[in-house]
Amino acid sequence: MFKSVKELIEKCETEDKKIYEVMLEQEMEVTGLSEEEVYAHMDKNLQTMENALDEGLEGVTSTTGLTGGDAVLIKEYLKTGKSLSGATLLDAVSKAVATNEVNAAMGKICATPTAGSAGVVPGVLFGLKPRLEPTRKDMLNFLLTSGAFGFVVANNASISGAAGGCQAEVGSAAAMAAGATVELAGGTPQQSSEAFAICLKNMLGLVCDPVAGLVEVPCVKRNAAGASNAIVSADMALAGVTSRIPTDEVIEAMYKIGQTMPSALRETGRGGLAGTPTGQRLKQEIFGD
């Protein structure tokens, strides 16, 4: 069983395997499930992701009214052909936002790795689908690769906003998606590792400051930023750009930053954007005294 990204990549290179293959073997070993059973379970997760983003792109609004409808606005803007960031990137953003809007509206999503960051991985995957034309099996393998990186983070640092800030949630999700994107695009395991590191470095120190303590503002839009970061980081790695700081050290740095982050900036809804005058007013309007 691999415990670090370094061990994961070494295993891939020594055994001439893709990251998803190593993760699949580990999942079978740990759960006792067959390959077919693991894929069947992952397919249910993938279908849940697809249903959520489809629902969000049709338009949803949360009970509080704080979030909803932005995915539709982005989708319609994309149709104009005037987007500055390009069709693939903005499509991924719209789908990431759609998924997280469904989460805010109490819909069914697949936590990847958390509910607050649930839009990044599916947003990136389905945003890339028209460009890379993956098979259903390729898409399931994308989830396995994402899971391999998430496994390392969860066991060596944190994926909890309450424990480590939003860097641990959206940051981890974005890095997971970046690593999986490289593999889906035909990159090497080492390039996937580089993409993960580059992506997570870009989100170090990101605080968790939900307005009124709800997973809505700024969470939904941070999923958009995470999806964008993932795709750009993947492109950088595929271009040959590397991280000067090894991936596992980046994960360790994220953990240490989270440990020193004030509690007001770790999902308590007291600091950051939640502590602004408008943030406090919205909290008062929603919950009263």
Protein backbone atom coordinates (compact mmCIF):
# COMPACT_ATOMS: atom_id res chain seq x y z
CA MET A 1 0.00 0.00 0.00
CA PHE A 2 1.36 3.42 -0.94
CA LYS A 3 1.35 6.12 1.73
CA SER A 4 2.91 9.02 -0.15
CA VAL A 5 2.83 10.41 -3.66
CA LYS A 6 6.49 9.48 -4.00
CA GLU A 7 5.68 5.84 -3.23
CA LEU A 8 2.73 5.95 -5.62
CA ILE A 9 4.79 7.28 -8.51
CA GLU A 10 7.68 4.89 -7.83
CA LYS A 11 5.26 1.97 -7.88
CA CYS A 12 3.84 3.17 -11.18
CA GLU A 13 7.26 3.51 -12.74
CA THR A 14 8.66 0.26 -11.35
CA GLU A 15 5.65 -1.80 -12.40
CA ASP A 16 4.91 0.20 -15.58
CA LYS A 17 1.38 1.03 -14.47
CA LYS A 18 -0.92 4.00 -14.55
CA ILE A 19 -1.95 5.65 -11.31
CA TYR A 20 -5.50 4.40 -11.64
CA GLU A 21 -4.25 0.81 -11.94
CA VAL A 22 -2.32 1.08 -8.68
CA MET A 23 -5.31 2.66 -6.96
CA LEU A 24 -7.64 -0.02 -8.32
CA GLU A 25 -5.40 -2.76 -6.95
CA GLN A 26 -5.25 -1.08 -3.57
CA GLU A 27 -9.00 -0.60 -3.45
CA MET A 28 -9.55 -4.28 -4.24
CA GLU A 29 -7.07 -5.29 -1.56
CA VAL A 30 -8.51 -3.04 1.13
CA THR A 31 -12.22 -3.65 0.44
CA GLY A 32 -12.09 -7.24 -0.75
CA LEU A 33 -14.18 -6.27 -3.76
CA SER A 34 -13.57 -7.55 -7.26
CA GLU A 35 -12.48 -5.26 -10.08
CA GLU A 36 -16.00 -5.36 -11.49
CA GLU A 37 -17.49 -4.43 -8.12
CA VAL A 38 -15.10 -1.51 -7.65
CA TYR A 39 -15.94 -0.17 -11.09
CA ALA A 40 -19.66 -0.64 -10.46
CA HIS A 41 -19.37 1.42 -7.27
CA MET A 42 -17.39 4.12 -9.06
CA ASP A 43 -19.95 4.19 -11.85
CA LYS A 44 -22.67 5.01 -9.32
CA ASN A 45 -20.53 7.87 -8.06
CA LEU A 46 -19.96 9.10 -11.60
CA GLN A 47 -23.67 8.96 -12.37
CA THR A 48 -24.41 10.94 -9.21
CA MET A 49 -21.92 13.58 -10.35
CA GLU A 50 -23.46 13.77 -13.80
CA ASN A 51 -26.99 14.04 -12.43
CA ALA A 52 -25.96 16.84 -10.07
CA LEU A 53 -24.27 18.98 -12.71
CA ASP A 54 -27.18 18.46 -15.11
CA GLU A 55 -29.57 19.59 -12.41
CA GLY A 56 -27.45 22.62 -11.59
CA LEU A 57 -27.20 23.65 -15.24
CA GLU A 58 -30.99 23.69 -15.40
CA GLY A 59 -30.99 26.14 -12.50
CA VAL A 60 -31.36 25.67 -8.76
CA THR A 61 -31.62 28.05 -5.82
CA SER A 62 -30.70 27.38 -2.21
CA THR A 63 -33.26 27.72 0.59
CA THR A 64 -31.54 30.85 1.87
CA GLY A 65 -31.37 32.41 -1.58
CA LEU A 66 -27.66 33.09 -1.14
CA THR A 67 -26.70 30.96 -4.11
CA GLY A 68 -28.20 29.62 -7.30
CA GLY A 69 -28.46 30.37 -10.99
CA ASP A 70 -24.83 31.30 -11.60
CA ALA A 71 -24.09 28.08 -13.49
CA VAL A 72 -26.89 28.96 -15.90
CA LEU A 73 -25.49 32.46 -16.39
CA ILE A 74 -22.06 31.05 -17.19
CA LYS A 75 -23.54 28.45 -19.55
CA GLU A 76 -25.46 31.13 -21.45
CA TYR A 77 -22.43 33.43 -21.56
CA LEU A 78 -20.38 30.57 -22.99
CA LYS A 79 -22.85 30.27 -25.87
CA THR A 80 -22.11 33.84 -26.94
CA GLY A 81 -18.59 32.88 -27.96
CA LYS A 82 -17.22 35.95 -26.21
CA SER A 83 -15.60 34.21 -23.24
CA LEU A 84 -12.04 35.26 -22.56
CA SER A 85 -10.93 32.04 -20.87
CA GLY A 86 -11.93 29.64 -23.63
CA ALA A 87 -14.69 27.09 -24.05
CA THR A 88 -13.10 24.14 -22.26
CA LEU A 89 -12.10 26.08 -19.17
CA LEU A 90 -15.37 27.94 -18.84
CA ASP A 91 -17.42 24.80 -19.47
CA ALA A 92 -15.58 23.13 -16.59
CA VAL A 93 -16.25 26.18 -14.42
CA SER A 94 -19.97 26.18 -15.22
CA LYS A 95 -20.23 22.50 -14.29
CA ALA A 96 -18.22 22.92 -11.09
CA VAL A 97 -20.51 25.78 -10.06
CA ALA A 98 -23.60 23.80 -11.05
CA THR A 99 -22.62 20.88 -8.85
CA ASN A 100 -21.91 23.02 -5.83
CA GLU A 101 -25.12 24.97 -6.30
CA VAL A 102 -26.97 21.66 -6.11
CA ASN A 103 -25.11 20.90 -2.90
CA ALA A 104 -26.14 24.28 -1.46
CA ALA A 105 -29.74 23.55 -2.49
CA MET A 106 -29.60 20.28 -0.49
CA GLY A 107 -29.45 18.13 -3.62
CA LYS A 108 -27.55 14.87 -4.00
CA ILE A 109 -23.86 15.18 -4.83
CA CYS A 110 -20.75 13.01 -4.53
CA ALA A 111 -18.24 14.40 -2.04
CA THR A 112 -14.88 14.67 -3.82
CA PRO A 113 -13.32 14.85 -1.32
CA THR A 114 -15.94 16.93 0.58
CA ALA A 115 -19.38 18.36 -0.09
CA GLY A 116 -18.01 21.91 -0.08
CA SER A 117 -15.52 21.01 -2.81
CA ALA A 118 -17.76 18.57 -4.68
CA GLY A 119 -17.88 20.59 -7.88
CA VAL A 120 -14.20 20.61 -8.82
CA VAL A 121 -13.51 17.00 -9.86
CA PRO A 122 -16.74 16.45 -11.84
CA GLY A 123 -16.58 19.97 -13.24
CA VAL A 124 -13.13 19.34 -14.65
CA LEU A 125 -13.93 15.82 -15.85
CA PHE A 126 -17.14 16.68 -17.66
CA GLY A 127 -15.70 19.97 -18.87
CA LEU A 128 -12.87 18.06 -20.56
CA LYS A 129 -15.17 15.41 -21.98
CA PRO A 130 -15.93 17.19 -25.29
CA ARG A 131 -12.24 17.90 -25.83
CA LEU A 132 -10.66 14.57 -24.84
CA GLU A 133 -13.62 12.28 -25.68
CA PRO A 134 -12.97 9.74 -22.91
CA THR A 135 -14.83 6.44 -22.73
CA ARG A 136 -16.95 5.70 -19.68
CA LYS A 137 -14.11 3.51 -18.42
CA ASP A 138 -11.65 6.37 -18.91
CA MET A 139 -13.89 8.58 -16.80
CA LEU A 140 -14.04 5.99 -14.03
CA ASN A 141 -10.26 5.74 -14.14
CA PHE A 142 -10.11 9.54 -13.79
CA LEU A 143 -11.99 9.16 -10.51
CA LEU A 144 -9.62 6.41 -9.36
CA THR A 145 -6.61 8.60 -10.10
CA SER A 146 -8.20 11.51 -8.28
CA GLY A 147 -8.87 9.17 -5.38
CA ALA A 148 -5.26 8.02 -5.26
CA PHE A 149 -4.06 11.57 -4.66
CA GLY A 150 -6.92 12.26 -2.26
CA PHE A 151 -6.00 9.15 -0.32
CA VAL A 152 -2.50 10.49 0.29
CA VAL A 153 -3.77 13.91 1.37
CA ALA A 154 -6.39 12.49 3.72
CA ASN A 155 -3.85 10.25 5.41
CA ASN A 156 -0.98 12.74 5.64
CA ALA A 157 -2.71 16.10 6.02
CA SER A 158 -6.41 16.98 5.95
CA ILE A 159 -9.37 17.38 3.62
CA SER A 160 -11.41 19.19 6.26
CA GLY A 161 -12.07 22.92 6.18
CA ALA A 162 -12.60 22.88 9.93
CA ALA A 163 -9.17 21.35 10.42
CA GLY A 164 -7.15 23.01 7.68
CA GLY A 165 -9.09 25.75 5.92
CA CYS A 166 -10.44 25.77 2.39
CA GLN A 167 -6.97 24.88 1.11
CA ALA A 168 -7.68 21.43 2.50
CA GLU A 169 -11.03 21.18 0.72
CA VAL A 170 -11.09 23.04 -2.59
CA GLY A 171 -7.29 23.03 -2.69
CA SER A 172 -7.12 19.26 -2.36
CA ALA A 173 -9.99 18.76 -4.82
CA ALA A 174 -8.33 20.98 -7.42
CA ALA A 175 -4.99 19.21 -7.04
CA MET A 176 -6.68 15.81 -7.29
CA ALA A 177 -8.39 16.91 -10.51
CA ALA A 178 -5.14 18.31 -11.90
CA GLY A 179 -3.29 15.05 -11.37
CA ALA A 180 -6.10 13.02 -12.91
CA THR A 181 -6.38 15.40 -15.87
CA VAL A 182 -2.76 14.83 -16.79
CA GLU A 183 -3.25 11.06 -16.84
CA LEU A 184 -6.46 11.38 -18.86
CA ALA A 185 -4.58 13.54 -21.38
CA GLY A 186 -1.84 10.94 -21.77
CA GLY A 187 0.76 12.34 -19.39
CA THR A 188 3.12 10.32 -17.23
CA PRO A 189 2.61 9.51 -13.53
CA GLN A 190 5.41 11.94 -12.69
CA GLN A 191 3.71 14.69 -14.68
CA SER A 192 0.51 13.97 -12.75
CA SER A 193 2.46 14.44 -9.54
CA GLU A 194 3.88 17.73 -10.81
CA ALA A 195 0.41 18.98 -11.73
CA PHE A 196 -0.90 18.08 -8.29
CA ALA A 197 1.93 19.97 -6.60
CA ILE A 198 1.63 23.04 -8.82
CA CYS A 199 -2.11 23.18 -8.26
CA LEU A 200 -2.03 22.76 -4.49
CA LYS A 201 0.76 25.34 -4.15
CA ASN A 202 -1.51 27.85 -5.82
CA MET A 203 -4.12 27.43 -3.10
CA LEU A 204 -1.98 27.26 0.04
CA GLY A 205 -3.31 29.46 2.82
CA LEU A 206 -6.86 29.61 1.46
CA VAL A 207 -9.14 30.14 4.45
CA CYS A 208 -12.53 28.59 5.15
CA ASP A 209 -14.89 31.49 5.89
CA PRO A 210 -18.47 30.49 5.03
CA VAL A 211 -20.96 33.30 5.39
CA ALA A 212 -23.51 32.44 8.10
CA GLY A 213 -21.66 29.14 8.49
CA LEU A 214 -23.32 27.78 5.34
CA VAL A 215 -21.59 25.97 2.49
CA GLU A 216 -22.67 28.58 -0.06
CA VAL A 217 -20.70 31.85 -0.02
CA PRO A 218 -17.86 31.82 -1.03
CA CYS A 219 -17.74 28.05 -1.46
CA VAL A 220 -19.57 27.83 -4.79
CA LYS A 221 -17.30 30.31 -6.56
CA ARG A 222 -14.21 28.75 -5.02
CA ASN A 223 -15.13 25.55 -6.82
CA ALA A 224 -14.96 27.58 -10.03
CA ALA A 225 -11.49 28.80 -9.10
CA GLY A 226 -10.44 25.27 -8.19
CA ALA A 227 -11.56 23.87 -11.54
CA SER A 228 -9.70 26.62 -13.40
CA ASN A 229 -6.57 26.07 -11.34
CA ALA A 230 -6.69 22.32 -12.00
CA ILE A 231 -6.81 22.63 -15.77
CA VAL A 232 -4.11 25.31 -15.95
CA SER A 233 -1.86 23.31 -13.62
CA ALA A 234 -2.37 20.18 -15.75
CA ASP A 235 -1.41 22.11 -18.87
CA MET A 236 1.72 23.43 -17.16
CA ALA A 237 2.79 19.92 -16.16
CA LEU A 238 2.08 18.54 -19.63
CA ALA A 239 4.23 21.35 -21.03
CA GLY A 240 7.13 20.10 -18.91
CA VAL A 241 6.88 22.55 -16.03
CA THR A 242 7.84 21.01 -12.69
CA SER A 243 7.40 21.91 -9.04
CA ARG A 244 10.60 22.89 -7.27
CA ILE A 245 9.06 21.64 -4.02
CA PRO A 246 8.32 17.87 -4.05
CA THR A 247 4.65 16.95 -3.99
CA ASP A 248 4.71 15.32 -0.56
CA GLU A 249 6.42 18.38 0.91
CA VAL A 250 3.69 20.58 -0.57
CA ILE A 251 1.10 18.39 1.16
CA GLU A 252 3.03 18.65 4.43
CA ALA A 253 3.23 22.43 4.05
CA MET A 254 -0.54 22.58 3.54
CA TYR A 255 -1.03 20.59 6.72
CA LYS A 256 1.26 22.83 8.77
CA ILE A 257 -0.38 25.98 7.41
CA GLY A 258 -3.76 24.60 8.44
CA GLN A 259 -2.48 23.86 11.92
CA THR A 260 -1.38 27.46 12.42
CA MET A 261 -4.50 29.00 10.87
CA PRO A 262 -6.69 30.83 13.43
CA SER A 263 -9.95 29.08 14.31
CA ALA A 264 -11.86 32.12 12.99
CA LEU A 265 -10.62 31.13 9.52
CA ARG A 266 -11.46 27.44 9.77
CA GLU A 267 -15.15 26.97 9.01
CA THR A 268 -16.43 28.73 12.13
CA GLY A 269 -18.11 31.48 10.13
CA ARG A 270 -16.48 34.15 12.27
CA GLY A 271 -13.61 35.52 10.22
CA GLY A 272 -12.72 36.39 6.65
CA LEU A 273 -15.71 37.06 4.40
CA ALA A 274 -18.06 35.75 7.07
CA GLY A 275 -16.85 38.49 9.41
CA THR A 276 -17.44 41.37 7.01
CA PRO A 277 -20.35 43.76 7.64
CA THR A 278 -22.28 42.21 4.76
CA GLY A 279 -21.44 38.70 5.91
CA GLN A 280 -22.74 39.50 9.38
CA ARG A 281 -25.86 41.16 7.98
CA LEU A 282 -26.67 38.12 5.86
CA LYS A 283 -26.23 35.87 8.88
CA GLN A 284 -28.63 38.07 10.84
CA GLU A 285 -31.20 38.00 8.01
CA ILE A 286 -31.04 34.21 7.77
CA PHE A 287 -30.88 33.21 11.42
CA GLY A 288 -31.91 36.30 13.36
CA ASP A 289 -30.71 36.71 16.92
